[in-house]
Amino acid sequence: MINAKFSLDANRQRAALLKNFNERDEYDIHGDHIGAVEVGTWTSVVPEWGHDTIREWCEPIAQEWGYA
């Protein structure tokens, strides 16, 4: 299934094989793709007017794929 192929763990493994941010694989995953950030920090960079939309559309996918 696609969510197993591109889960958080799978993407971390892909990123670990790449040397740096400028090196990308065929899926556009790059070195340092998964940063050391805290869950929810996106709220500080996305305008508040977009929070409800992101939660509605993205949060279920993030939870299913292990990103939340």
C-alpha atoms as a PDB file:
ATOM      1  CA  MET A   1       0.000   0.000   0.000  1.00  0.00           C
ATOM      2  CA  ILE A   2       1.103   3.540  -0.683  1.00  0.00           C
ATOM      3  CA  ASN A   3       0.900   4.625   2.955  1.00  0.00           C
ATOM      4  CA  ALA A   4       3.428   1.908   3.924  1.00  0.00           C
ATOM      5  CA  LYS A   5       5.746   2.850   1.051  1.00  0.00           C
ATOM      6  CA  PHE A   6       5.744   6.539   2.056  1.00  0.00           C
ATOM      7  CA  SER A   7       5.228   6.292   5.809  1.00  0.00           C
ATOM      8  CA  LEU A   8       7.314   8.364   8.197  1.00  0.00           C
ATOM      9  CA  ASP A   9       9.672   5.437   8.810  1.00  0.00           C
ATOM     10  CA  ALA A  10      10.004   4.636   5.099  1.00  0.00           C
ATOM     11  CA  ASN A  11      10.772   8.254   4.221  1.00  0.00           C
ATOM     12  CA  ARG A  12      13.304   8.467   7.049  1.00  0.00           C
ATOM     13  CA  GLN A  13      15.073   5.424   5.621  1.00  0.00           C
ATOM     14  CA  ARG A  14      15.100   6.977   2.136  1.00  0.00           C
ATOM     15  CA  ALA A  15      16.435  10.276   3.457  1.00  0.00           C
ATOM     16  CA  ALA A  16      19.191   8.509   5.408  1.00  0.00           C
ATOM     17  CA  LEU A  17      20.626   7.172   2.135  1.00  0.00           C
ATOM     18  CA  LEU A  18      21.049  10.697   0.742  1.00  0.00           C
ATOM     19  CA  LYS A  19      23.963  12.949   1.585  1.00  0.00           C
ATOM     20  CA  ASN A  20      22.279  16.322   1.952  1.00  0.00           C
ATOM     21  CA  PHE A  21      19.262  18.489   1.236  1.00  0.00           C
ATOM     22  CA  ASN A  22      20.267  18.901  -2.428  1.00  0.00           C
ATOM     23  CA  GLU A  23      20.426  15.163  -3.159  1.00  0.00           C
ATOM     24  CA  ARG A  24      16.976  13.780  -4.038  1.00  0.00           C
ATOM     25  CA  ASP A  25      15.610  10.376  -4.945  1.00  0.00           C
ATOM     26  CA  GLU A  26      13.047   9.493  -7.609  1.00  0.00           C
ATOM     27  CA  TYR A  27      10.199  10.414  -5.223  1.00  0.00           C
ATOM     28  CA  ASP A  28      11.664  13.856  -4.436  1.00  0.00           C
ATOM     29  CA  ILE A  29      12.664  12.816  -0.937  1.00  0.00           C
ATOM     30  CA  HIS A  30      15.923  14.559  -0.051  1.00  0.00           C
ATOM     31  CA  GLY A  31      18.623  14.161   2.548  1.00  0.00           C
ATOM     32  CA  ASP A  32      17.509  15.788   5.821  1.00  0.00           C
ATOM     33  CA  HIS A  33      13.909  15.416   4.601  1.00  0.00           C
ATOM     34  CA  ILE A  34      12.571  14.634   8.057  1.00  0.00           C
ATOM     35  CA  GLY A  35      13.710  17.298  10.475  1.00  0.00           C
ATOM     36  CA  ALA A  36      13.767  17.293  14.251  1.00  0.00           C
ATOM     37  CA  VAL A  37      10.631  19.356  14.793  1.00  0.00           C
ATOM     38  CA  GLU A  38       7.859  19.174  17.301  1.00  0.00           C
ATOM     39  CA  VAL A  39       4.384  18.061  16.273  1.00  0.00           C
ATOM     40  CA  GLY A  40       2.197  21.079  15.623  1.00  0.00           C
ATOM     41  CA  THR A  41       4.925  23.560  14.689  1.00  0.00           C
ATOM     42  CA  TRP A  42       3.238  24.023  11.310  1.00  0.00           C
ATOM     43  CA  THR A  43       0.731  26.268  13.071  1.00  0.00           C
ATOM     44  CA  SER A  44       3.446  28.883  13.498  1.00  0.00           C
ATOM     45  CA  VAL A  45       4.223  29.062   9.760  1.00  0.00           C
ATOM     46  CA  VAL A  46       0.761  28.608   8.216  1.00  0.00           C
ATOM     47  CA  PRO A  47      -1.565  31.608   8.498  1.00  0.00           C
ATOM     48  CA  GLU A  48      -4.292  31.076  11.065  1.00  0.00           C
ATOM     49  CA  TRP A  49      -7.007  31.317   8.396  1.00  0.00           C
ATOM     50  CA  GLY A  50      -5.674  28.058   6.889  1.00  0.00           C
ATOM     51  CA  HIS A  51      -5.521  25.959  10.056  1.00  0.00           C
ATOM     52  CA  ASP A  52      -9.037  24.535   9.838  1.00  0.00           C
ATOM     53  CA  THR A  53      -8.553  23.539   6.206  1.00  0.00           C
ATOM     54  CA  ILE A  54      -5.268  21.777   6.936  1.00  0.00           C
ATOM     55  CA  ARG A  55      -6.745  19.966   9.905  1.00  0.00           C
ATOM     56  CA  GLU A  56      -9.756  18.849   7.869  1.00  0.00           C
ATOM     57  CA  TRP A  57      -7.850  17.637   4.803  1.00  0.00           C
ATOM     58  CA  CYS A  58      -4.352  16.756   5.979  1.00  0.00           C
ATOM     59  CA  GLU A  59      -4.645  15.577   9.554  1.00  0.00           C
ATOM     60  CA  PRO A  60      -6.468  12.303   8.726  1.00  0.00           C
ATOM     61  CA  ILE A  61      -3.804  11.439   6.147  1.00  0.00           C
ATOM     62  CA  ALA A  62      -0.975  12.371   8.524  1.00  0.00           C
ATOM     63  CA  GLN A  63      -2.450  10.146  11.220  1.00  0.00           C
ATOM     64  CA  GLU A  64      -2.984   7.207   8.849  1.00  0.00           C
ATOM     65  CA  TRP A  65       0.598   7.427   7.570  1.00  0.00           C
ATOM     66  CA  GLY A  66       2.175   7.854  11.010  1.00  0.00           C
ATOM     67  CA  TYR A  67       3.096  11.541  10.774  1.00  0.00           C
ATOM     68  CA  ALA A  68       0.833  12.722  13.592  1.00  0.00           C
END
